[in-house]
N, C-alpha and C. Protein backbone atom coordinates (compact mmCIF):
# COMPACT_ATOMS: atom_id res chain seq x y z
N MET A 1 193.91 58.15 102.16
CA MET A 1 192.71 57.92 101.86
C MET A 1 191.71 58.01 103.09
N ILE A 2 190.60 58.71 103.01
CA ILE A 2 189.81 59.02 104.07
C ILE A 2 188.59 57.89 104.10
N ASP A 3 188.08 57.68 105.22
CA ASP A 3 186.94 56.59 105.15
C ASP A 3 185.64 57.47 104.86
N ARG A 4 184.59 56.97 104.51
CA ARG A 4 183.20 57.60 104.23
C ARG A 4 182.85 58.45 105.40
N ARG A 5 182.92 57.99 106.76
CA ARG A 5 182.52 58.64 107.72
C ARG A 5 183.27 60.07 108.07
N THR A 6 184.62 60.04 107.68
CA THR A 6 185.34 61.04 108.04
C THR A 6 184.94 62.31 106.86
N PHE A 7 184.82 61.65 105.64
CA PHE A 7 184.25 62.40 104.41
C PHE A 7 183.07 63.14 104.65
N LEU A 8 182.10 62.47 105.43
CA LEU A 8 180.77 63.06 105.57
C LEU A 8 180.92 64.15 106.71
N LYS A 9 181.79 63.97 107.64
CA LYS A 9 181.80 64.94 108.70
C LYS A 9 182.37 66.24 108.01
N LEU A 10 183.56 66.08 107.34
CA LEU A 10 184.20 67.28 106.62
C LEU A 10 183.24 68.05 105.74
N SER A 11 182.44 67.07 104.98
CA SER A 11 181.54 67.77 104.17
C SER A 11 180.48 68.60 104.81
N ALA A 12 179.82 68.06 106.03
CA ALA A 12 178.86 68.80 106.77
C ALA A 12 179.44 69.97 107.43
N GLY A 13 180.69 69.89 107.82
CA GLY A 13 181.42 71.15 108.43
C GLY A 13 181.68 72.20 107.32
N ALA A 14 181.93 71.93 106.16
CA ALA A 14 182.03 72.83 105.12
C ALA A 14 180.79 73.69 104.73
N LEU A 15 179.91 72.79 104.77
CA LEU A 15 178.35 73.13 104.67
C LEU A 15 178.04 74.19 105.64
N VAL A 16 178.31 73.90 107.00
CA VAL A 16 177.91 74.63 107.92
C VAL A 16 178.68 76.14 107.96
N LEU A 17 179.89 76.12 107.62
CA LEU A 17 180.78 77.31 107.51
C LEU A 17 180.29 78.11 106.47
N THR A 18 179.79 77.53 105.24
CA THR A 18 179.21 78.31 104.22
C THR A 18 177.96 78.91 104.69
N ALA A 19 177.19 78.20 105.22
CA ALA A 19 175.75 78.87 105.57
C ALA A 19 176.03 79.94 106.65
N ALA A 20 177.02 79.81 107.58
CA ALA A 20 177.31 80.84 108.55
C ALA A 20 177.85 82.07 107.95
N GLY A 21 178.48 81.85 107.09
CA GLY A 21 179.15 83.10 106.33
C GLY A 21 178.06 83.78 105.65
N ALA A 22 177.08 83.12 105.01
CA ALA A 22 176.00 83.80 104.33
C ALA A 22 175.16 84.53 105.19
N LEU A 23 174.78 83.71 106.24
CA LEU A 23 173.96 84.42 107.28
C LEU A 23 174.68 85.65 108.15
N THR A 24 175.90 85.76 108.16
CA THR A 24 176.44 86.89 108.94
C THR A 24 176.87 87.99 108.07
N GLY A 25 176.55 88.00 106.75
CA GLY A 25 176.78 89.04 105.95
C GLY A 25 178.17 89.08 105.17
N CYS A 26 178.76 87.96 105.21
CA CYS A 26 180.15 87.91 104.43
C CYS A 26 179.94 88.06 103.03
N GLY A 27 178.72 88.17 102.45
CA GLY A 27 178.62 88.21 101.14
C GLY A 27 178.35 89.74 100.56
N ASP A 28 178.73 90.78 101.30
CA ASP A 28 178.65 92.11 100.91
C ASP A 28 178.85 92.27 99.46
N THR A 29 178.51 93.47 98.95
CA THR A 29 178.82 93.83 97.69
C THR A 29 180.35 93.77 97.44
N VAL A 30 180.90 93.28 96.25
CA VAL A 30 182.18 93.35 95.91
C VAL A 30 182.57 94.64 95.64
N VAL A 31 183.69 95.25 96.09
CA VAL A 31 184.04 96.67 95.77
C VAL A 31 185.29 96.57 94.99
N ASP A 32 185.13 97.11 93.68
CA ASP A 32 186.24 97.16 92.86
C ASP A 32 187.45 97.97 93.37
N LYS A 33 188.59 97.65 93.18
CA LYS A 33 189.85 98.25 93.73
C LYS A 33 189.93 99.72 93.32
N THR A 34 189.27 100.07 92.07
CA THR A 34 189.40 101.53 91.62
C THR A 34 188.32 102.27 92.32
N SER A 35 187.31 101.67 93.06
CA SER A 35 186.23 102.43 93.43
C SER A 35 186.54 103.16 94.82
N GLY A 36 185.90 104.11 95.16
CA GLY A 36 185.96 104.78 96.39
C GLY A 36 184.87 104.41 97.39
N VAL A 37 185.12 104.43 98.64
CA VAL A 37 184.21 103.92 99.57
C VAL A 37 183.99 104.80 100.82
N ALA A 38 183.03 105.18 101.15
CA ALA A 38 182.78 106.24 102.42
C ALA A 38 181.66 105.72 103.26
N LYS A 39 181.79 105.61 104.56
CA LYS A 39 180.72 104.92 105.43
C LYS A 39 180.38 106.18 106.45
N ILE A 40 178.97 106.34 106.44
CA ILE A 40 178.31 107.28 107.40
C ILE A 40 177.53 106.49 108.23
N GLY A 41 177.77 106.19 109.42
CA GLY A 41 177.05 105.42 110.40
C GLY A 41 176.89 103.95 109.75
N ASP A 42 175.84 103.37 109.66
CA ASP A 42 175.62 102.04 109.10
C ASP A 42 175.37 101.81 107.45
N VAL A 43 175.57 103.22 106.86
CA VAL A 43 175.38 103.36 105.50
C VAL A 43 176.59 103.48 104.75
N THR A 44 176.82 102.67 103.72
CA THR A 44 178.00 102.60 103.04
C THR A 44 177.76 103.16 101.57
N PHE A 45 178.59 104.12 101.10
CA PHE A 45 178.62 104.79 99.76
C PHE A 45 179.76 104.21 98.95
N ILE A 46 179.52 103.68 97.80
CA ILE A 46 180.66 103.16 96.83
C ILE A 46 180.33 103.97 95.42
N CYS A 47 181.54 104.54 95.21
CA CYS A 47 181.61 105.37 93.88
C CYS A 47 182.52 104.71 92.81
N ALA A 48 182.19 104.22 91.77
CA ALA A 48 183.14 103.47 90.74
C ALA A 48 183.61 104.84 89.85
N THR A 49 184.79 104.35 89.05
CA THR A 49 185.47 105.31 88.35
C THR A 49 184.43 105.89 87.35
N PRO A 50 184.45 107.35 87.28
CA PRO A 50 183.28 107.86 86.44
C PRO A 50 183.72 107.87 84.97
N PHE A 51 182.58 108.26 84.11
CA PHE A 51 182.78 108.64 82.76
C PHE A 51 182.56 110.02 82.65
N LEU A 52 183.40 110.68 82.00
CA LEU A 52 183.54 112.05 81.87
C LEU A 52 183.26 112.56 80.63
N GLY A 53 182.63 113.69 80.36
CA GLY A 53 182.56 114.18 78.98
C GLY A 53 182.32 115.68 79.01
N GLY A 54 181.98 116.36 77.87
CA GLY A 54 181.60 117.63 77.83
C GLY A 54 182.70 118.60 77.35
N GLY A 55 182.41 119.82 77.42
CA GLY A 55 183.45 120.74 77.09
C GLY A 55 183.28 120.89 75.65
N LEU A 56 184.24 121.38 74.70
CA LEU A 56 184.12 121.62 73.40
C LEU A 56 184.28 120.38 72.61
N GLY A 57 183.31 119.89 71.82
CA GLY A 57 183.47 118.81 71.10
C GLY A 57 182.89 118.93 69.59
N ASP A 58 183.56 118.75 68.64
CA ASP A 58 183.26 118.95 67.23
C ASP A 58 182.89 120.36 66.92
N GLY A 59 183.58 121.40 67.57
CA GLY A 59 183.26 122.84 67.47
C GLY A 59 181.96 123.27 68.26
N ILE A 60 181.41 122.32 69.13
CA ILE A 60 180.19 122.78 69.86
C ILE A 60 180.50 122.77 71.39
N VAL A 61 180.33 123.96 71.96
CA VAL A 61 180.48 123.98 73.44
C VAL A 61 179.35 123.37 74.16
N LYS A 62 179.72 122.49 75.17
CA LYS A 62 178.63 121.64 75.76
C LYS A 62 178.86 121.92 77.46
N GLN A 63 177.85 121.23 78.00
CA GLN A 63 177.93 121.04 79.40
C GLN A 63 179.06 120.03 79.87
N LEU A 64 179.81 120.16 80.92
CA LEU A 64 180.72 119.26 81.44
C LEU A 64 179.83 118.28 82.09
N THR A 65 180.13 116.95 81.87
CA THR A 65 179.28 115.89 82.58
C THR A 65 180.17 114.78 83.39
N TYR A 66 179.49 114.21 84.43
CA TYR A 66 180.24 113.10 85.24
C TYR A 66 179.06 112.23 85.46
N TRP A 67 179.21 110.91 85.05
CA TRP A 67 178.29 109.95 85.38
C TRP A 67 178.99 108.62 85.83
N THR A 68 178.49 107.87 86.67
CA THR A 68 179.31 106.71 87.33
C THR A 68 178.23 105.77 88.00
N LYS A 69 178.86 104.69 88.28
CA LYS A 69 178.00 103.58 89.10
C LYS A 69 178.04 103.97 90.50
N PHE A 70 176.93 104.42 91.10
CA PHE A 70 177.07 104.67 92.54
C PHE A 70 176.20 103.67 93.48
N THR A 71 176.90 102.99 94.47
CA THR A 71 176.03 102.07 95.16
C THR A 71 175.91 102.55 96.67
N ILE A 72 174.64 102.30 97.25
CA ILE A 72 174.28 102.76 98.47
C ILE A 72 173.89 101.19 99.26
N GLN A 73 174.67 100.83 100.41
CA GLN A 73 174.42 99.79 101.16
C GLN A 73 173.94 100.27 102.53
N ASN A 74 172.52 99.95 102.61
CA ASN A 74 172.04 100.56 103.93
C ASN A 74 171.90 99.38 104.83
N ASN A 75 172.75 99.40 105.99
CA ASN A 75 172.70 98.37 106.86
C ASN A 75 172.08 98.81 108.07
N SER A 76 171.36 99.99 107.93
CA SER A 76 170.68 100.76 109.15
C SER A 76 169.25 100.10 109.25
N ALA A 77 168.61 100.70 110.24
CA ALA A 77 167.10 100.32 110.46
C ALA A 77 166.23 101.37 109.90
N GLU A 78 166.82 102.43 109.05
CA GLU A 78 166.07 103.56 108.62
C GLU A 78 166.18 103.67 107.26
N ARG A 79 165.34 104.17 106.44
CA ARG A 79 165.32 104.37 105.11
C ARG A 79 166.33 105.58 104.71
N VAL A 80 167.10 105.35 103.82
CA VAL A 80 168.26 106.36 103.35
C VAL A 80 167.49 107.11 102.03
N VAL A 81 167.32 108.39 102.18
CA VAL A 81 166.84 109.26 101.20
C VAL A 81 167.77 110.28 100.91
N ILE A 82 168.35 110.55 99.72
CA ILE A 82 169.33 111.59 99.37
C ILE A 82 168.68 112.40 98.12
N LYS A 83 168.49 113.64 98.41
CA LYS A 83 167.72 114.63 97.38
C LYS A 83 168.79 115.19 96.39
N PRO A 84 168.34 115.42 95.22
CA PRO A 84 169.33 115.94 94.35
C PRO A 84 170.08 117.05 94.57
N GLU A 85 169.59 117.93 95.32
CA GLU A 85 170.26 119.09 95.74
C GLU A 85 171.47 118.80 96.84
N ASP A 86 171.48 117.52 97.32
CA ASP A 86 172.50 117.09 98.22
C ASP A 86 173.62 116.41 97.54
N ILE A 87 173.70 116.44 96.21
CA ILE A 87 174.74 115.75 95.29
C ILE A 87 175.17 116.68 94.48
N ILE A 88 176.55 117.11 94.60
CA ILE A 88 177.04 118.00 93.54
C ILE A 88 178.66 117.47 93.26
N CYS A 89 179.21 118.04 92.28
CA CYS A 89 180.47 117.63 91.78
C CYS A 89 181.22 118.80 91.44
N ILE A 90 182.55 118.99 91.97
CA ILE A 90 183.23 120.17 91.61
C ILE A 90 184.43 119.73 90.79
N PHE A 91 184.51 120.33 89.58
CA PHE A 91 185.73 120.12 88.75
C PHE A 91 186.64 121.24 88.94
N ARG A 92 188.06 120.80 89.07
CA ARG A 92 188.99 121.76 89.39
C ARG A 92 190.11 121.34 88.34
N GLU A 93 190.61 122.58 87.72
CA GLU A 93 191.88 122.44 86.99
C GLU A 93 192.62 123.85 87.35
N LYS A 94 193.88 123.91 86.92
CA LYS A 94 194.96 124.97 87.07
C LYS A 94 194.14 126.40 87.79
N ASP A 95 193.25 127.12 87.02
CA ASP A 95 192.70 128.18 87.43
C ASP A 95 191.14 128.31 87.26
N THR A 96 190.65 126.99 87.03
CA THR A 96 189.18 127.09 86.85
C THR A 96 188.39 126.02 87.90
N GLU A 97 187.32 126.46 88.41
CA GLU A 97 186.52 125.55 89.29
C GLU A 97 185.02 125.69 88.68
N GLU A 98 184.47 124.45 88.16
CA GLU A 98 183.15 124.30 87.70
C GLU A 98 182.38 123.36 88.62
N THR A 99 181.12 123.84 88.86
CA THR A 99 180.09 122.86 89.62
C THR A 99 179.13 122.18 88.81
N LEU A 100 179.12 120.96 89.05
CA LEU A 100 178.24 120.07 88.48
C LEU A 100 177.14 119.71 89.23
N TYR A 101 175.83 119.79 88.66
CA TYR A 101 174.58 119.41 89.56
C TYR A 101 173.90 118.10 89.04
N PHE A 102 173.31 117.34 90.17
CA PHE A 102 172.79 116.17 89.93
C PHE A 102 171.47 116.36 89.25
N LYS A 103 171.24 115.63 88.13
CA LYS A 103 170.19 115.60 87.33
C LYS A 103 169.14 114.59 87.24
N ARG A 104 169.22 113.76 88.09
CA ARG A 104 168.17 112.59 88.27
C ARG A 104 167.42 112.62 89.59
N ASN A 105 166.50 111.56 89.79
CA ASN A 105 165.65 111.65 90.98
C ASN A 105 166.47 111.51 92.28
N GLU A 106 165.79 111.53 93.40
CA GLU A 106 166.35 111.17 94.63
C GLU A 106 166.70 109.76 94.78
N LEU A 107 167.92 109.55 95.49
CA LEU A 107 168.33 108.26 95.63
C LEU A 107 167.74 107.74 97.05
N ILE A 108 167.22 106.45 96.95
CA ILE A 108 166.56 105.92 98.00
C ILE A 108 167.00 104.36 98.25
N ALA A 109 167.11 104.01 99.51
CA ALA A 109 167.61 102.79 99.90
C ALA A 109 166.91 102.29 101.22
N ALA A 110 166.04 101.38 101.05
CA ALA A 110 165.42 100.84 102.16
C ALA A 110 166.10 100.14 103.24
N PRO A 111 165.69 100.03 104.36
CA PRO A 111 166.57 99.30 105.41
C PRO A 111 166.93 98.04 105.01
N GLY A 112 168.31 97.54 105.30
CA GLY A 112 168.78 96.36 104.87
C GLY A 112 169.16 96.17 103.26
N GLN A 113 168.88 97.22 102.48
CA GLN A 113 168.84 96.94 101.03
C GLN A 113 170.28 97.75 100.46
N THR A 114 170.66 97.06 99.50
CA THR A 114 171.88 97.55 98.63
C THR A 114 171.34 97.89 97.31
N VAL A 115 171.58 99.23 96.84
CA VAL A 115 170.87 99.70 95.66
C VAL A 115 172.04 100.24 94.79
N VAL A 116 172.09 99.88 93.47
CA VAL A 116 173.08 100.41 92.55
C VAL A 116 172.26 101.37 91.56
N TYR A 117 172.93 102.45 91.50
CA TYR A 117 172.48 103.38 90.59
C TYR A 117 173.33 103.56 89.46
N ASN A 118 173.09 103.08 88.20
CA ASN A 118 174.01 102.95 87.26
C ASN A 118 174.11 103.94 86.12
N GLY A 119 175.09 104.69 86.03
CA GLY A 119 175.40 105.50 84.70
C GLY A 119 174.52 106.56 84.49
N SER A 120 174.46 107.06 83.11
CA SER A 120 173.68 108.30 82.71
C SER A 120 172.24 108.14 83.06
N GLN A 121 171.55 106.95 83.17
CA GLN A 121 170.13 106.96 83.41
C GLN A 121 169.75 107.11 84.66
N LYS A 122 170.73 106.90 85.82
CA LYS A 122 170.44 107.00 87.23
C LYS A 122 171.30 107.89 87.98
N PHE A 123 172.57 108.04 87.61
CA PHE A 123 173.45 108.79 88.30
C PHE A 123 174.19 109.82 87.44
N TYR A 124 173.81 110.98 87.14
CA TYR A 124 174.25 111.92 86.17
C TYR A 124 174.47 113.29 86.67
N LEU A 125 175.39 113.90 86.59
CA LEU A 125 175.70 115.40 86.92
C LEU A 125 176.15 116.04 85.69
N GLU A 126 175.92 117.45 85.56
CA GLU A 126 176.41 118.26 84.53
C GLU A 126 176.41 119.80 84.96
N THR A 127 177.18 120.66 84.46
CA THR A 127 177.17 121.89 84.71
C THR A 127 175.76 122.53 84.06
N LYS A 128 175.49 123.74 84.83
CA LYS A 128 174.21 124.59 84.28
C LYS A 128 174.55 125.13 83.04
N GLU A 129 175.68 125.67 82.80
CA GLU A 129 176.21 126.47 81.60
C GLU A 129 177.11 125.62 80.67
N ARG A 130 177.04 125.85 79.48
CA ARG A 130 177.94 125.25 78.57
C ARG A 130 179.43 126.00 78.83
N ILE A 131 180.32 125.25 78.65
CA ILE A 131 181.78 125.65 78.99
C ILE A 131 182.63 125.26 77.80
N PRO A 132 183.95 126.01 77.68
CA PRO A 132 184.97 125.52 76.80
C PRO A 132 185.66 124.33 77.33
N GLU A 133 186.24 123.70 76.25
CA GLU A 133 186.83 122.32 76.38
C GLU A 133 187.89 122.54 77.54
N LYS A 134 187.98 121.37 78.34
CA LYS A 134 189.02 121.18 79.38
C LYS A 134 190.10 120.35 78.96
N ASN A 135 191.24 121.02 78.71
CA ASN A 135 192.55 120.38 78.06
C ASN A 135 193.29 119.68 79.15
N SER A 136 193.31 120.12 80.34
CA SER A 136 194.06 119.44 81.40
C SER A 136 193.31 118.50 82.18
N PRO A 137 193.86 117.31 82.71
CA PRO A 137 193.11 116.52 83.37
C PRO A 137 192.27 117.02 84.45
N GLY A 138 192.73 117.80 85.40
CA GLY A 138 191.91 118.20 86.46
C GLY A 138 191.57 117.35 87.42
N THR A 139 190.70 117.64 88.33
CA THR A 139 190.17 116.84 89.40
C THR A 139 188.72 116.87 89.58
N TYR A 140 188.08 115.74 89.91
CA TYR A 140 186.56 115.62 90.11
C TYR A 140 186.38 115.31 91.58
N GLU A 141 185.50 116.29 92.29
CA GLU A 141 185.22 115.93 93.74
C GLU A 141 183.75 115.80 93.61
N LEU A 142 183.32 114.44 93.91
CA LEU A 142 181.86 114.25 93.97
C LEU A 142 181.51 114.35 95.60
N ARG A 143 180.35 115.22 95.78
CA ARG A 143 180.04 115.16 97.30
C ARG A 143 178.65 114.95 97.50
N VAL A 144 178.31 113.96 98.39
CA VAL A 144 177.04 113.49 98.72
C VAL A 144 176.58 113.77 100.26
N ARG A 145 175.91 114.59 100.44
CA ARG A 145 175.52 114.85 101.80
C ARG A 145 174.32 113.88 102.34
N TYR A 146 174.73 113.35 103.71
CA TYR A 146 173.69 112.36 104.24
C TYR A 146 173.82 112.60 105.73
N ASN A 147 172.66 112.67 106.29
CA ASN A 147 172.65 112.44 107.92
C ASN A 147 173.62 113.58 108.62
N GLY A 148 173.70 114.80 107.87
CA GLY A 148 174.55 115.88 108.62
C GLY A 148 176.19 115.80 108.21
N LYS A 149 176.49 114.77 107.55
CA LYS A 149 177.99 114.54 106.98
C LYS A 149 177.99 114.53 105.57
N THR A 150 179.10 114.53 104.94
CA THR A 150 179.23 114.48 103.53
C THR A 150 180.33 113.36 103.14
N ALA A 151 179.87 112.55 102.22
CA ALA A 151 180.68 111.55 101.61
C ALA A 151 181.36 112.16 100.46
N VAL A 152 182.78 112.08 100.44
CA VAL A 152 183.48 112.82 99.35
C VAL A 152 184.23 111.85 98.66
N PHE A 153 184.21 111.93 97.36
CA PHE A 153 185.02 111.04 96.32
C PHE A 153 185.76 111.83 95.34
N LEU A 154 186.93 111.50 95.29
CA LEU A 154 187.96 112.30 94.62
C LEU A 154 188.34 111.53 93.52
N TYR A 155 188.30 111.87 92.17
CA TYR A 155 188.85 111.33 91.10
C TYR A 155 189.73 112.29 90.44
N GLY A 156 191.18 111.89 90.59
CA GLY A 156 192.18 112.73 90.24
C GLY A 156 192.99 112.61 89.05
N ASN A 157 194.02 113.19 88.80
CA ASN A 157 194.66 113.36 87.65
C ASN A 157 195.27 112.09 87.31
N ASN A 158 195.47 110.91 88.05
CA ASN A 158 195.96 109.71 87.72
C ASN A 158 195.03 108.98 86.66
N GLY A 159 193.67 109.35 86.82
CA GLY A 159 192.64 108.92 85.81
C GLY A 159 192.19 107.38 86.10
N LYS A 160 192.78 106.77 87.27
CA LYS A 160 192.56 105.29 87.41
C LYS A 160 191.72 104.90 88.57
N ASN A 161 191.74 105.76 89.81
CA ASN A 161 191.13 105.31 91.00
C ASN A 161 190.35 106.57 91.51
N VAL A 162 189.25 106.09 92.27
CA VAL A 162 188.46 106.98 93.07
C VAL A 162 188.81 106.80 94.57
N THR A 163 188.92 107.88 95.42
CA THR A 163 189.17 107.73 96.74
C THR A 163 188.02 108.25 97.56
N GLY A 164 187.50 107.60 98.52
CA GLY A 164 186.41 108.14 99.33
C GLY A 164 186.99 108.33 100.77
N ARG A 165 186.09 109.44 101.41
CA ARG A 165 186.46 109.79 102.82
C ARG A 165 184.96 110.49 103.24
N VAL A 166 185.05 110.78 104.55
CA VAL A 166 183.79 111.46 105.11
C VAL A 166 184.19 112.52 105.81
N GLU A 167 183.53 113.84 105.56
CA GLU A 167 183.75 114.93 106.22
C GLU A 167 182.60 115.40 107.17
C-alpha cells in the first residue's frame, strides 16, 4: 500500500509525461497497417487501401475508377499545394496499361496541418475513355508529384495492402 504523498507524486509524474507527449507530437495521425506511407521532406503522405471500380458492368462499358482516403501531414513551414495534373494512377495487368487522372480540386495543407481527403468526393481518379472489364487483379500505382519528387503508392495483386515509397 502506498501513502497519499507517494500517490500524488506518481500522479503528477504521469500527468507531466502525458503533457510532454502531447506537446512533442507523439499524437500524430494513426496509420492503418494496410496503408502506404511516403515522406518528402517534412511532408508525409498516407494512402489507404483504395476502392476500385469500372470496366464492364451490367453490359455497360465504363471508366476505370480509383478512390481512397488520402492524408497529407504537413510538418513544414510552407503551404503544400498539389495540382490535379500532379496526381495520376497507372493500372497494369498482363498486357494492358491504363492511366487514371485525378478528377477533383487541388490538394492543400497549411503549415502544421493534417488534412484528410476522403473517398469519391475528395480523392477520385478515372480513365478518360471507357474500357472493357478487367478480369485479372492487376496492380494500381498511384503517383503524387510534390517538390520535385514523387510519392508512389502501389496496390497490388494481394488486394490487402498499399506500399509507399519516394522516387
